[in-house]
């Protein structure tokens, strides 16, 4: 029952941001369709056919997102985003959840110092991410909880309990998402001898 409960909750946490993004994108496409309808008469009949206006709307939405992304990287964009977050969006828990997930994923993807590793826990190994080296032979690791590679715990462990892997973060996160499926290939040739005292 505990495994079933944890897996269902993990699945919900994994699906929630995806569903939220799909709902928001659905509303955005509907709005873009309304805005694109006036230009429908200027388009050739071949384009306006079945789904033509939706295609134009999606292209317009992608272009608008690209321009918004350029604006977001400017000082004025940062100020506008801070104003919205402090007044309107900051009070919406779903926004904060999706934002923190996206920021966490961006940090993991862009941080060169984050390394996939096997962590010795309770007489076995768990896949994790080594973040930093501390003093006196200790390290900081993040232990993801399957099937959500960005949800888990930060732990401080002796360096002897961490074994770095020669795989990318994308592969490590895929193994966590698939609840261990793919480990046979990713861990081929890795020494799984437990450290002394484990």
N, C-alpha and C. Protein backbone atom coordinates (compact mmCIF):
# COMPACT_ATOMS: atom_id res chain seq x y z
N UNK A 1 0.83 -1.21 0.00
CA UNK A 1 0.00 0.00 0.00
C UNK A 1 0.87 1.26 0.00
N UNK A 2 1.97 1.21 0.76
CA UNK A 2 2.85 2.38 0.83
C UNK A 2 3.44 2.67 -0.55
N UNK A 3 3.90 1.59 -1.24
CA UNK A 3 4.46 1.76 -2.58
C UNK A 3 3.41 2.32 -3.53
N UNK A 4 2.18 1.77 -3.45
CA UNK A 4 1.09 2.23 -4.32
C UNK A 4 0.79 3.70 -4.07
N UNK A 5 0.70 4.06 -2.79
CA UNK A 5 0.39 5.46 -2.42
C UNK A 5 1.47 6.40 -2.91
N UNK A 6 2.76 6.03 -2.65
CA UNK A 6 3.87 6.91 -3.07
C UNK A 6 3.94 7.04 -4.58
N UNK A 7 3.69 5.94 -5.29
CA UNK A 7 3.75 5.98 -6.75
C UNK A 7 2.64 6.84 -7.33
N UNK A 8 1.41 6.71 -6.77
CA UNK A 8 0.29 7.52 -7.25
C UNK A 8 0.56 9.00 -6.99
N UNK A 9 1.04 9.33 -5.78
CA UNK A 9 1.33 10.73 -5.45
C UNK A 9 2.44 11.26 -6.34
N UNK A 10 3.49 10.45 -6.56
CA UNK A 10 4.58 10.85 -7.46
C UNK A 10 4.09 11.09 -8.87
N UNK A 11 3.18 10.21 -9.34
CA UNK A 11 2.60 10.37 -10.67
C UNK A 11 1.78 11.64 -10.79
N UNK A 12 0.99 11.95 -9.74
CA UNK A 12 0.20 13.18 -9.74
C UNK A 12 1.09 14.41 -9.77
N UNK A 13 2.16 14.39 -8.97
CA UNK A 13 3.09 15.52 -8.96
C UNK A 13 3.77 15.68 -10.30
N UNK A 14 4.03 14.55 -10.98
CA UNK A 14 4.66 14.60 -12.29
C UNK A 14 3.68 15.15 -13.33
N UNK A 15 2.39 14.74 -13.24
CA UNK A 15 1.40 15.14 -14.24
C UNK A 15 0.87 16.55 -14.04
N UNK A 16 0.84 17.03 -12.78
CA UNK A 16 0.22 18.32 -12.49
C UNK A 16 0.78 19.47 -13.32
N UNK A 17 2.11 19.67 -13.35
CA UNK A 17 2.61 20.77 -14.17
C UNK A 17 2.34 20.59 -15.65
N UNK A 18 2.36 19.33 -16.13
CA UNK A 18 2.08 19.08 -17.55
C UNK A 18 0.65 19.47 -17.88
N UNK A 19 -0.30 19.04 -17.01
CA UNK A 19 -1.72 19.36 -17.22
C UNK A 19 -1.94 20.87 -17.18
N UNK A 20 -1.31 21.54 -16.20
CA UNK A 20 -1.44 22.99 -16.09
C UNK A 20 -0.93 23.69 -17.35
N UNK A 21 0.22 23.23 -17.85
CA UNK A 21 0.79 23.84 -19.06
C UNK A 21 -0.13 23.61 -20.25
N UNK A 22 -0.70 22.38 -20.37
CA UNK A 22 -1.61 22.08 -21.49
C UNK A 22 -2.87 22.92 -21.42
N UNK A 23 -3.41 23.11 -20.21
CA UNK A 23 -4.62 23.95 -20.04
C UNK A 23 -4.31 25.38 -20.44
N UNK A 24 -3.17 25.90 -19.96
CA UNK A 24 -2.79 27.28 -20.28
C UNK A 24 -2.56 27.43 -21.78
N UNK A 25 -1.86 26.45 -22.39
CA UNK A 25 -1.62 26.51 -23.84
C UNK A 25 -2.93 26.42 -24.63
N UNK A 26 -3.86 25.58 -24.15
CA UNK A 26 -5.17 25.47 -24.81
C UNK A 26 -5.90 26.80 -24.84
N UNK A 27 -5.90 27.50 -23.68
CA UNK A 27 -6.54 28.82 -23.62
C UNK A 27 -5.79 29.83 -24.49
N UNK A 28 -4.46 29.72 -24.50
CA UNK A 28 -3.66 30.65 -25.31
C UNK A 28 -3.95 30.46 -26.80
N UNK A 29 -4.09 29.19 -27.24
CA UNK A 29 -4.39 28.92 -28.66
C UNK A 29 -5.78 29.44 -29.01
N UNK A 30 -6.75 29.25 -28.11
CA UNK A 30 -8.11 29.78 -28.36
C UNK A 30 -8.09 31.30 -28.52
N UNK A 31 -7.34 31.96 -27.65
CA UNK A 31 -7.22 33.42 -27.74
C UNK A 31 -6.53 33.82 -29.04
N UNK A 32 -5.46 33.08 -29.40
CA UNK A 32 -4.74 33.37 -30.64
C UNK A 32 -5.64 33.16 -31.86
N UNK A 33 -6.52 32.14 -31.81
CA UNK A 33 -7.45 31.91 -32.92
C UNK A 33 -8.39 33.09 -33.10
N UNK A 34 -8.89 33.63 -31.99
CA UNK A 34 -9.78 34.80 -32.07
C UNK A 34 -9.05 35.99 -32.68
N UNK A 35 -7.79 36.16 -32.29
CA UNK A 35 -7.02 37.28 -32.81
C UNK A 35 -6.63 37.06 -34.27
N UNK A 36 -6.50 35.77 -34.68
CA UNK A 36 -6.08 35.47 -36.05
C UNK A 36 -7.24 35.49 -37.05
N UNK A 37 -8.47 35.44 -36.56
CA UNK A 37 -9.63 35.40 -37.46
C UNK A 37 -9.72 36.60 -38.41
N UNK A 38 -9.42 37.82 -37.96
CA UNK A 38 -9.48 38.94 -38.90
C UNK A 38 -8.53 38.81 -40.10
N UNK A 39 -7.39 38.11 -39.93
CA UNK A 39 -6.46 37.98 -41.06
C UNK A 39 -6.78 36.77 -41.92
N UNK A 40 -7.83 36.00 -41.53
CA UNK A 40 -8.20 34.80 -42.28
C UNK A 40 -8.54 35.11 -43.74
N UNK A 41 -9.20 36.26 -43.96
CA UNK A 41 -9.63 36.61 -45.33
C UNK A 41 -8.45 36.92 -46.25
N UNK A 42 -7.27 37.24 -45.67
CA UNK A 42 -6.09 37.55 -46.49
C UNK A 42 -5.29 36.29 -46.85
N UNK A 43 -5.66 35.15 -46.26
CA UNK A 43 -4.90 33.92 -46.50
C UNK A 43 -5.46 33.15 -47.68
N UNK A 44 -4.60 32.41 -48.41
CA UNK A 44 -5.10 31.60 -49.53
C UNK A 44 -6.04 30.49 -49.02
N UNK A 45 -6.94 30.05 -49.89
CA UNK A 45 -7.91 29.02 -49.51
C UNK A 45 -7.23 27.74 -49.04
N UNK A 46 -6.09 27.41 -49.61
CA UNK A 46 -5.37 26.18 -49.22
C UNK A 46 -4.95 26.24 -47.76
N UNK A 47 -4.61 27.43 -47.25
CA UNK A 47 -4.18 27.59 -45.86
C UNK A 47 -5.38 27.60 -44.92
N UNK A 48 -6.47 28.24 -45.36
CA UNK A 48 -7.63 28.42 -44.49
C UNK A 48 -8.40 27.12 -44.33
N UNK A 49 -8.10 26.07 -45.10
CA UNK A 49 -8.84 24.81 -45.00
C UNK A 49 -8.95 24.30 -43.58
N UNK A 50 -9.24 23.03 -43.43
CA UNK A 50 -9.44 22.43 -42.12
C UNK A 50 -8.19 22.62 -41.25
N UNK A 51 -8.37 23.25 -40.14
CA UNK A 51 -7.27 23.48 -39.20
C UNK A 51 -6.31 24.57 -39.61
N UNK A 52 -6.59 25.26 -40.70
CA UNK A 52 -5.67 26.31 -41.17
C UNK A 52 -5.54 27.44 -40.18
N UNK A 53 -6.67 27.89 -39.65
CA UNK A 53 -6.64 29.02 -38.71
C UNK A 53 -5.93 28.61 -37.41
N UNK A 54 -6.09 27.32 -37.02
CA UNK A 54 -5.38 26.82 -35.82
C UNK A 54 -3.88 26.82 -36.05
N UNK A 55 -3.46 26.41 -37.26
CA UNK A 55 -2.04 26.40 -37.60
C UNK A 55 -1.47 27.81 -37.56
N UNK A 56 -2.20 28.76 -38.14
CA UNK A 56 -1.75 30.17 -38.12
C UNK A 56 -1.68 30.66 -36.68
N UNK A 57 -2.66 30.26 -35.85
CA UNK A 57 -2.68 30.68 -34.45
C UNK A 57 -1.49 30.14 -33.68
N UNK A 58 -1.16 28.87 -33.94
CA UNK A 58 -0.01 28.25 -33.24
C UNK A 58 1.28 28.94 -33.65
N UNK A 59 1.43 29.24 -34.95
CA UNK A 59 2.62 29.93 -35.43
C UNK A 59 2.71 31.32 -34.81
N UNK A 60 1.57 32.02 -34.75
CA UNK A 60 1.55 33.36 -34.14
C UNK A 60 1.89 33.28 -32.66
N UNK A 61 1.37 32.24 -31.98
CA UNK A 61 1.65 32.07 -30.56
C UNK A 61 3.13 31.77 -30.31
N UNK A 62 3.73 30.93 -31.19
CA UNK A 62 5.16 30.62 -31.06
C UNK A 62 6.00 31.87 -31.28
N UNK A 63 5.62 32.69 -32.27
CA UNK A 63 6.34 33.93 -32.54
C UNK A 63 6.21 34.90 -31.38
N UNK A 64 5.00 35.00 -30.83
CA UNK A 64 4.77 35.86 -29.67
C UNK A 64 5.57 35.40 -28.46
N UNK A 65 5.65 34.07 -28.26
CA UNK A 65 6.43 33.51 -27.15
C UNK A 65 7.91 33.81 -27.32
N UNK A 66 8.40 33.72 -28.56
CA UNK A 66 9.80 34.03 -28.84
C UNK A 66 10.10 35.49 -28.51
N UNK A 67 9.22 36.39 -28.96
CA UNK A 67 9.41 37.82 -28.68
C UNK A 67 9.33 38.10 -27.17
N UNK A 68 8.39 37.41 -26.49
CA UNK A 68 8.26 37.57 -25.04
C UNK A 68 9.52 37.07 -24.33
N UNK A 69 10.10 35.98 -24.87
CA UNK A 69 11.34 35.46 -24.29
C UNK A 69 12.49 36.43 -24.42
N UNK A 70 12.56 37.11 -25.59
CA UNK A 70 13.58 38.15 -25.77
C UNK A 70 13.38 39.29 -24.79
N UNK A 71 12.11 39.69 -24.60
CA UNK A 71 11.80 40.77 -23.66
C UNK A 71 12.11 40.35 -22.22
N UNK A 72 11.83 39.08 -21.90
CA UNK A 72 12.05 38.59 -20.53
C UNK A 72 13.51 38.64 -20.13
N UNK A 73 14.43 38.59 -21.11
CA UNK A 73 15.86 38.61 -20.80
C UNK A 73 16.42 40.02 -20.66
N UNK A 74 15.56 41.03 -20.81
CA UNK A 74 16.01 42.41 -20.64
C UNK A 74 15.73 42.88 -19.22
N UNK A 75 16.32 44.00 -18.84
CA UNK A 75 16.10 44.58 -17.52
C UNK A 75 14.63 44.95 -17.33
N UNK A 76 14.03 45.55 -18.38
CA UNK A 76 12.62 45.93 -18.30
C UNK A 76 11.74 44.68 -18.13
N UNK A 77 12.09 43.59 -18.82
CA UNK A 77 11.34 42.35 -18.69
C UNK A 77 11.39 41.79 -17.29
N UNK A 78 12.57 41.84 -16.67
CA UNK A 78 12.72 41.37 -15.29
C UNK A 78 11.87 42.20 -14.34
N UNK A 79 11.83 43.51 -14.57
CA UNK A 79 11.03 44.39 -13.72
C UNK A 79 9.54 44.09 -13.85
N UNK A 80 9.10 43.91 -15.11
CA UNK A 80 7.68 43.60 -15.35
C UNK A 80 7.30 42.28 -14.68
N UNK A 81 8.17 41.26 -14.83
CA UNK A 81 7.88 39.95 -14.24
C UNK A 81 7.85 40.03 -12.71
N UNK A 82 8.77 40.79 -12.13
CA UNK A 82 8.78 40.96 -10.67
C UNK A 82 7.51 41.65 -10.20
N UNK A 83 7.05 42.64 -10.96
CA UNK A 83 5.83 43.36 -10.60
C UNK A 83 4.62 42.40 -10.60
N UNK A 84 4.52 41.57 -11.66
CA UNK A 84 3.41 40.61 -11.73
C UNK A 84 3.48 39.58 -10.60
N UNK A 85 4.70 39.08 -10.33
CA UNK A 85 4.86 38.06 -9.30
C UNK A 85 4.55 38.61 -7.91
N UNK A 86 4.93 39.86 -7.66
CA UNK A 86 4.70 40.44 -6.34
C UNK A 86 3.25 40.85 -6.12
N UNK A 87 2.51 41.11 -7.21
CA UNK A 87 1.14 41.58 -7.04
C UNK A 87 0.10 40.50 -7.32
N UNK A 88 0.19 39.84 -8.46
CA UNK A 88 -0.88 38.96 -8.91
C UNK A 88 -0.49 37.48 -8.83
N UNK A 89 0.56 37.10 -9.55
CA UNK A 89 0.89 35.68 -9.69
C UNK A 89 1.47 35.07 -8.41
N UNK A 90 2.08 35.90 -7.57
CA UNK A 90 2.73 35.39 -6.36
C UNK A 90 1.77 34.67 -5.43
N UNK A 91 0.49 35.02 -5.47
CA UNK A 91 -0.48 34.41 -4.57
C UNK A 91 -1.11 33.14 -5.12
N UNK A 92 -0.77 32.74 -6.33
CA UNK A 92 -1.36 31.54 -6.93
C UNK A 92 -0.42 30.37 -6.72
N UNK A 93 -0.80 29.39 -5.88
CA UNK A 93 0.11 28.27 -5.59
C UNK A 93 0.53 27.48 -6.83
N UNK A 94 -0.40 27.30 -7.79
CA UNK A 94 -0.08 26.52 -8.99
C UNK A 94 1.02 27.20 -9.80
N UNK A 95 0.99 28.54 -9.85
CA UNK A 95 2.03 29.26 -10.59
C UNK A 95 3.38 29.05 -9.92
N UNK A 96 3.41 29.18 -8.59
CA UNK A 96 4.67 29.01 -7.86
C UNK A 96 5.22 27.60 -8.04
N UNK A 97 4.31 26.60 -8.06
CA UNK A 97 4.72 25.21 -8.22
C UNK A 97 5.37 24.99 -9.58
N UNK A 98 4.67 25.44 -10.63
CA UNK A 98 5.19 25.26 -12.00
C UNK A 98 6.49 26.03 -12.18
N UNK A 99 6.54 27.25 -11.62
CA UNK A 99 7.75 28.07 -11.75
C UNK A 99 8.94 27.40 -11.07
N UNK A 100 8.73 26.89 -9.86
CA UNK A 100 9.85 26.26 -9.15
C UNK A 100 10.32 24.99 -9.87
N UNK A 101 9.36 24.22 -10.44
CA UNK A 101 9.75 23.03 -11.21
C UNK A 101 10.57 23.43 -12.43
N UNK A 102 10.12 24.46 -13.15
CA UNK A 102 10.82 24.90 -14.37
C UNK A 102 12.21 25.44 -14.02
N UNK A 103 12.29 26.23 -12.94
CA UNK A 103 13.59 26.79 -12.54
C UNK A 103 14.54 25.68 -12.12
N UNK A 104 14.02 24.70 -11.38
CA UNK A 104 14.86 23.58 -10.94
C UNK A 104 15.38 22.79 -12.12
N UNK A 105 14.51 22.54 -13.10
CA UNK A 105 14.93 21.80 -14.29
C UNK A 105 15.97 22.58 -15.07
N UNK A 106 15.76 23.90 -15.19
CA UNK A 106 16.73 24.74 -15.92
C UNK A 106 18.09 24.71 -15.23
N UNK A 107 18.10 24.74 -13.89
CA UNK A 107 19.36 24.73 -13.15
C UNK A 107 20.08 23.40 -13.34
N UNK A 108 19.30 22.31 -13.24
CA UNK A 108 19.91 20.98 -13.41
C UNK A 108 20.49 20.84 -14.81
N UNK A 109 19.73 21.29 -15.82
CA UNK A 109 20.17 21.14 -17.21
C UNK A 109 21.39 21.99 -17.51
N UNK A 110 21.49 23.20 -16.85
CA UNK A 110 22.54 24.13 -17.24
C UNK A 110 23.75 24.10 -16.31
N UNK A 111 23.67 23.40 -15.18
CA UNK A 111 24.78 23.42 -14.23
C UNK A 111 25.79 22.34 -14.56
N UNK A 112 26.99 22.78 -14.88
CA UNK A 112 28.03 21.81 -15.25
C UNK A 112 28.50 21.01 -14.04
N UNK A 113 28.35 21.57 -12.83
CA UNK A 113 28.85 20.90 -11.63
C UNK A 113 27.97 19.77 -11.14
N UNK A 114 26.76 19.62 -11.66
CA UNK A 114 25.85 18.57 -11.22
C UNK A 114 26.18 17.29 -11.98
N UNK A 115 26.45 16.21 -11.23
CA UNK A 115 26.90 14.97 -11.84
C UNK A 115 26.05 13.79 -11.39
N UNK A 116 25.55 12.97 -12.32
CA UNK A 116 24.83 11.76 -11.92
C UNK A 116 25.75 10.84 -11.12
N UNK A 117 25.17 10.21 -10.10
CA UNK A 117 25.98 9.35 -9.24
C UNK A 117 25.12 8.26 -8.63
N UNK A 118 25.78 7.20 -8.16
CA UNK A 118 25.13 6.20 -7.33
C UNK A 118 25.45 6.55 -5.89
N UNK A 119 24.42 6.52 -5.04
CA UNK A 119 24.59 6.86 -3.63
C UNK A 119 24.30 5.62 -2.81
N UNK A 120 25.22 5.25 -1.92
CA UNK A 120 25.05 4.08 -1.08
C UNK A 120 24.09 4.41 0.07
N UNK A 121 22.92 3.75 0.05
CA UNK A 121 21.89 4.00 1.06
C UNK A 121 21.34 2.66 1.54
N UNK A 122 21.35 2.43 2.84
CA UNK A 122 20.73 1.26 3.47
C UNK A 122 21.12 -0.06 2.80
N UNK A 123 22.40 -0.27 2.63
CA UNK A 123 22.88 -1.53 2.08
C UNK A 123 22.65 -1.72 0.60
N UNK A 124 22.39 -0.65 -0.11
CA UNK A 124 22.18 -0.72 -1.56
C UNK A 124 22.63 0.57 -2.21
N UNK A 125 22.21 0.78 -3.46
CA UNK A 125 22.57 1.98 -4.21
C UNK A 125 21.31 2.67 -4.70
N UNK A 126 21.34 3.99 -4.73
CA UNK A 126 20.25 4.77 -5.30
C UNK A 126 20.86 5.80 -6.24
N UNK A 127 20.17 6.02 -7.37
CA UNK A 127 20.67 7.01 -8.31
C UNK A 127 20.39 8.40 -7.74
N UNK A 128 21.36 9.30 -7.90
CA UNK A 128 21.20 10.66 -7.40
C UNK A 128 22.09 11.61 -8.20
N UNK A 129 22.13 12.86 -7.73
CA UNK A 129 22.94 13.88 -8.40
C UNK A 129 23.90 14.48 -7.37
N UNK A 130 25.20 14.42 -7.66
CA UNK A 130 26.15 15.06 -6.75
C UNK A 130 26.21 16.54 -7.09
N UNK A 131 26.04 17.39 -6.07
CA UNK A 131 25.96 18.83 -6.29
C UNK A 131 27.26 19.55 -5.95
N UNK A 132 27.80 19.27 -4.77
CA UNK A 132 29.00 20.00 -4.33
C UNK A 132 29.85 19.12 -3.42
N UNK A 133 31.13 19.50 -3.32
CA UNK A 133 32.03 18.86 -2.37
C UNK A 133 32.20 19.78 -1.18
N UNK A 134 32.06 19.24 0.03
CA UNK A 134 32.22 20.02 1.25
C UNK A 134 33.60 19.74 1.86
N UNK A 135 33.81 20.27 3.04
CA UNK A 135 35.08 20.03 3.74
C UNK A 135 35.08 18.64 4.37
N UNK A 136 36.26 18.18 4.73
CA UNK A 136 36.45 16.94 5.49
C UNK A 136 35.87 15.69 4.81
N UNK A 137 35.89 15.67 3.46
CA UNK A 137 35.47 14.47 2.74
C UNK A 137 33.98 14.23 2.66
N UNK A 138 33.18 15.28 2.81
CA UNK A 138 31.72 15.15 2.69
C UNK A 138 31.25 15.81 1.40
N UNK A 139 30.08 15.36 0.91
CA UNK A 139 29.52 15.92 -0.32
C UNK A 139 28.03 16.20 -0.14
N UNK A 140 27.50 17.06 -1.03
CA UNK A 140 26.07 17.36 -1.06
C UNK A 140 25.47 16.61 -2.24
N UNK A 141 24.43 15.82 -1.98
CA UNK A 141 23.78 15.07 -3.06
C UNK A 141 22.28 15.33 -3.03
N UNK A 142 21.66 15.21 -4.20
CA UNK A 142 20.20 15.30 -4.30
C UNK A 142 19.70 13.92 -4.65
N UNK A 143 18.74 13.42 -3.87
CA UNK A 143 18.20 12.08 -4.05
C UNK A 143 16.79 12.19 -4.65
N UNK A 144 16.63 12.00 -5.97
CA UNK A 144 15.31 12.12 -6.57
C UNK A 144 14.40 10.95 -6.18
N UNK A 145 13.11 11.24 -6.17
CA UNK A 145 12.13 10.20 -5.86
C UNK A 145 11.38 9.84 -7.14
N UNK A 146 11.54 8.58 -7.59
CA UNK A 146 10.88 8.15 -8.83
C UNK A 146 9.36 8.25 -8.66
N UNK A 147 8.64 8.66 -9.72
CA UNK A 147 9.10 8.94 -11.08
C UNK A 147 9.32 10.43 -11.35
N UNK A 148 9.58 11.23 -10.32
CA UNK A 148 9.75 12.67 -10.51
C UNK A 148 11.20 13.05 -10.26
N UNK A 149 12.01 13.23 -11.30
CA UNK A 149 13.45 13.46 -11.13
C UNK A 149 13.80 14.78 -10.47
N UNK A 150 12.83 15.70 -10.33
CA UNK A 150 13.11 16.98 -9.69
C UNK A 150 12.53 17.07 -8.29
N UNK A 151 11.97 15.97 -7.79
CA UNK A 151 11.39 15.95 -6.45
C UNK A 151 12.17 14.95 -5.61
N UNK A 152 12.59 15.36 -4.43
CA UNK A 152 13.38 14.46 -3.60
C UNK A 152 13.96 15.19 -2.41
N UNK A 153 15.13 14.74 -1.94
CA UNK A 153 15.76 15.28 -0.74
C UNK A 153 17.22 15.62 -0.98
N UNK A 154 17.69 16.64 -0.28
CA UNK A 154 19.11 16.98 -0.27
C UNK A 154 19.73 16.26 0.92
N UNK A 155 20.87 15.60 0.70
CA UNK A 155 21.54 14.89 1.78
C UNK A 155 23.02 15.24 1.80
N UNK A 156 23.61 15.14 2.98
CA UNK A 156 25.05 15.36 3.18
C UNK A 156 25.64 14.02 3.60
N UNK A 157 26.56 13.50 2.78
CA UNK A 157 27.09 12.16 3.01
C UNK A 157 28.61 12.15 2.87
N UNK A 158 29.26 11.14 3.47
CA UNK A 158 30.70 10.98 3.24
C UNK A 158 30.94 10.67 1.76
N UNK A 159 32.02 11.18 1.25
CA UNK A 159 32.37 11.01 -0.17
C UNK A 159 32.50 9.54 -0.56
N UNK A 160 32.84 8.69 0.40
CA UNK A 160 33.03 7.26 0.12
C UNK A 160 31.72 6.58 -0.26
N UNK A 161 30.59 7.20 0.05
CA UNK A 161 29.28 6.60 -0.25
C UNK A 161 28.72 7.08 -1.59
N UNK A 162 29.55 7.81 -2.35
CA UNK A 162 29.10 8.34 -3.65
C UNK A 162 30.01 7.81 -4.75
N UNK A 163 29.40 7.27 -5.80
CA UNK A 163 30.15 6.75 -6.94
C UNK A 163 29.65 7.47 -8.20
N UNK A 164 30.49 8.32 -8.78
CA UNK A 164 30.10 9.08 -9.96
C UNK A 164 29.86 8.17 -11.15
N UNK A 165 28.86 8.55 -11.97
CA UNK A 165 28.51 7.76 -13.15
C UNK A 165 28.95 8.49 -14.41
N UNK A 166 29.27 7.75 -15.44
CA UNK A 166 29.67 8.35 -16.70
C UNK A 166 28.50 8.52 -17.66
N UNK A 167 27.36 9.00 -17.15
CA UNK A 167 26.20 9.21 -18.00
C UNK A 167 25.76 10.68 -17.88
N UNK A 168 24.96 11.13 -18.82
CA UNK A 168 24.49 12.52 -18.79
C UNK A 168 23.35 12.68 -17.80
N UNK A 169 23.05 13.94 -17.45
CA UNK A 169 21.92 14.22 -16.57
C UNK A 169 20.61 13.79 -17.22
N UNK A 170 20.53 13.95 -18.54
CA UNK A 170 19.30 13.57 -19.25
C UNK A 170 19.05 12.07 -19.08
N UNK A 171 20.10 11.25 -19.20
CA UNK A 171 19.94 9.79 -19.05
C UNK A 171 19.58 9.44 -17.61
N UNK A 172 20.24 10.10 -16.65
CA UNK A 172 19.95 9.83 -15.23
C UNK A 172 18.50 10.16 -14.90
N UNK A 173 18.04 11.32 -15.39
CA UNK A 173 16.66 11.73 -15.12
C UNK A 173 15.67 10.80 -15.81
N UNK A 174 16.03 10.29 -16.99
CA UNK A 174 15.15 9.35 -17.70
C UNK A 174 15.01 8.05 -16.91
N UNK A 175 16.09 7.58 -16.29
CA UNK A 175 16.04 6.36 -15.48
C UNK A 175 15.10 6.57 -14.29
N UNK A 176 15.18 7.74 -13.66
CA UNK A 176 14.30 8.04 -12.52
C UNK A 176 12.85 8.10 -12.98
N UNK A 177 12.60 8.76 -14.11
CA UNK A 177 11.23 8.87 -14.65
C UNK A 177 10.64 7.49 -14.94
N UNK A 178 11.50 6.59 -15.46
CA UNK A 178 11.02 5.25 -15.84
C UNK A 178 11.15 4.26 -14.69
N UNK A 179 11.35 4.79 -13.47
CA UNK A 179 11.43 3.99 -12.24
C UNK A 179 12.46 2.87 -12.35
N UNK A 180 13.63 3.20 -12.90
CA UNK A 180 14.75 2.26 -12.96
C UNK A 180 14.93 1.55 -14.28
N UNK A 181 13.93 1.59 -15.15
CA UNK A 181 14.06 0.92 -16.45
C UNK A 181 15.15 1.62 -17.26
N UNK A 182 16.06 0.87 -17.80
CA UNK A 182 17.20 1.42 -18.54
C UNK A 182 18.49 1.38 -17.74
N UNK A 183 18.41 0.92 -16.49
CA UNK A 183 19.61 0.85 -15.64
C UNK A 183 20.62 -0.15 -16.16
N UNK A 184 20.15 -1.24 -16.78
CA UNK A 184 21.04 -2.28 -17.28
C UNK A 184 22.08 -1.72 -18.23
N UNK A 185 21.65 -0.83 -19.12
CA UNK A 185 22.57 -0.23 -20.09
C UNK A 185 23.39 0.87 -19.43
N UNK A 186 22.73 1.74 -18.65
CA UNK A 186 23.41 2.90 -18.06
C UNK A 186 24.47 2.50 -17.04
N UNK A 187 24.25 1.38 -16.33
CA UNK A 187 25.17 1.00 -15.25
C UNK A 187 26.09 -0.16 -15.63
N UNK A 188 26.12 -0.49 -16.92
CA UNK A 188 26.97 -1.60 -17.37
C UNK A 188 28.43 -1.28 -17.07
N UNK A 189 29.10 -2.23 -16.38
CA UNK A 189 30.51 -2.06 -16.05
C UNK A 189 30.78 -1.26 -14.79
N UNK A 190 29.72 -0.75 -14.12
CA UNK A 190 29.91 0.04 -12.90
C UNK A 190 30.12 -0.93 -11.73
N UNK A 191 31.13 -0.66 -10.90
CA UNK A 191 31.42 -1.50 -9.73
C UNK A 191 30.37 -1.21 -8.65
N UNK A 192 29.55 -2.21 -8.32
CA UNK A 192 28.49 -2.04 -7.33
C UNK A 192 28.86 -2.59 -5.96
N UNK A 193 30.18 -2.82 -5.74
CA UNK A 193 30.63 -3.25 -4.43
C UNK A 193 30.35 -2.13 -3.43
N UNK A 194 29.70 -2.50 -2.32
CA UNK A 194 29.34 -1.48 -1.32
C UNK A 194 30.58 -1.02 -0.57
N UNK A 195 30.62 0.27 -0.19
CA UNK A 195 31.76 0.76 0.60
C UNK A 195 31.77 0.13 1.99
N UNK A 196 32.92 0.10 2.65
CA UNK A 196 33.03 -0.47 3.98
C UNK A 196 32.09 0.25 4.94
N UNK A 197 31.37 -0.55 5.73
CA UNK A 197 30.46 0.02 6.72
C UNK A 197 29.09 0.33 6.18
N UNK A 198 28.84 0.10 4.88
CA UNK A 198 27.53 0.42 4.32
C UNK A 198 26.54 -0.69 4.62
